[in-house]
Amino acid sequence: MSEDWSLLLSFFPSNWVELAAETDVLKKLRK
């Protein structure tokens, strides 16, 4: 499982953490 996760992460842009955080914020704002 961890290997698959690492492989998935490799496809994300380097700033995927920031993008995920922004997406999470947008989801909260929509509520």
N, C-alpha and C. Protein backbone atom coordinates (compact mmCIF):
# COMPACT_ATOMS: atom_id res chain seq x y z
N MET A 1 0.84 -1.21 0.00
CA MET A 1 0.00 0.00 0.00
C MET A 1 0.87 1.25 0.00
N SER A 2 1.89 1.25 0.84
CA SER A 2 2.76 2.43 0.93
C SER A 2 3.46 2.70 -0.41
N GLU A 3 3.80 1.62 -1.12
CA GLU A 3 4.45 1.82 -2.41
C GLU A 3 3.49 2.48 -3.39
N ASP A 4 2.23 2.04 -3.38
CA ASP A 4 1.24 2.64 -4.27
C ASP A 4 1.03 4.11 -3.92
N TRP A 5 1.03 4.41 -2.62
CA TRP A 5 0.83 5.79 -2.17
C TRP A 5 1.98 6.66 -2.67
N SER A 6 3.21 6.14 -2.52
CA SER A 6 4.38 6.90 -2.98
C SER A 6 4.28 7.15 -4.48
N LEU A 7 3.82 6.15 -5.21
CA LEU A 7 3.69 6.29 -6.66
C LEU A 7 2.65 7.35 -6.99
N LEU A 8 1.53 7.33 -6.26
CA LEU A 8 0.50 8.35 -6.49
C LEU A 8 1.04 9.73 -6.20
N LEU A 9 1.77 9.86 -5.10
CA LEU A 9 2.31 11.17 -4.73
C LEU A 9 3.27 11.68 -5.79
N SER A 10 3.97 10.77 -6.47
CA SER A 10 4.93 11.19 -7.48
C SER A 10 4.25 11.88 -8.66
N PHE A 11 2.95 11.61 -8.84
CA PHE A 11 2.22 12.23 -9.94
C PHE A 11 1.74 13.63 -9.60
N PHE A 12 1.69 13.94 -8.30
CA PHE A 12 1.23 15.26 -7.88
C PHE A 12 2.30 16.32 -8.14
N PRO A 13 1.89 17.57 -8.38
CA PRO A 13 2.85 18.66 -8.52
C PRO A 13 3.56 18.88 -7.19
N SER A 14 4.69 19.55 -7.22
CA SER A 14 5.49 19.75 -6.01
C SER A 14 4.72 20.50 -4.94
N ASN A 15 3.73 21.30 -5.36
CA ASN A 15 2.98 22.09 -4.38
C ASN A 15 1.61 21.48 -4.11
N TRP A 16 1.51 20.14 -4.22
CA TRP A 16 0.21 19.48 -4.04
C TRP A 16 -0.34 19.68 -2.64
N VAL A 17 0.55 19.85 -1.66
CA VAL A 17 0.07 20.07 -0.29
C VAL A 17 -0.68 21.38 -0.21
N GLU A 18 -0.11 22.42 -0.83
CA GLU A 18 -0.77 23.72 -0.82
C GLU A 18 -2.08 23.65 -1.61
N LEU A 19 -2.05 22.95 -2.74
CA LEU A 19 -3.27 22.82 -3.55
C LEU A 19 -4.35 22.09 -2.76
N ALA A 20 -3.98 21.05 -2.06
CA ALA A 20 -4.95 20.29 -1.26
C ALA A 20 -5.51 21.17 -0.15
N ALA A 21 -4.66 21.98 0.46
CA ALA A 21 -5.11 22.87 1.53
C ALA A 21 -6.09 23.90 0.98
N GLU A 22 -5.79 24.45 -0.18
CA GLU A 22 -6.68 25.45 -0.79
C GLU A 22 -8.02 24.81 -1.16
N THR A 23 -7.97 23.60 -1.69
CA THR A 23 -9.20 22.89 -2.05
C THR A 23 -10.04 22.64 -0.82
N ASP A 24 -9.38 22.25 0.28
CA ASP A 24 -10.10 21.99 1.53
C ASP A 24 -10.75 23.27 2.04
N VAL A 25 -10.05 24.38 1.91
CA VAL A 25 -10.60 25.67 2.34
C VAL A 25 -11.82 26.02 1.50
N LEU A 26 -11.72 25.80 0.19
CA LEU A 26 -12.85 26.10 -0.69
C LEU A 26 -14.06 25.26 -0.33
N LYS A 27 -13.82 23.98 0.00
CA LYS A 27 -14.94 23.10 0.38
C LYS A 27 -15.61 23.62 1.64
N LYS A 28 -14.81 24.10 2.58
CA LYS A 28 -15.37 24.62 3.83
C LYS A 28 -16.16 25.91 3.57
N LEU A 29 -15.68 26.74 2.63
CA LEU A 29 -16.37 28.00 2.34
C LEU A 29 -17.72 27.74 1.67
N ARG A 30 -17.82 26.65 0.91
CA ARG A 30 -19.07 26.36 0.20
C ARG A 30 -20.17 25.95 1.16
N LYS A 31 -19.82 25.44 2.32
CA LYS A 31 -20.83 24.96 3.28
C LYS A 31 -21.61 26.12 3.86
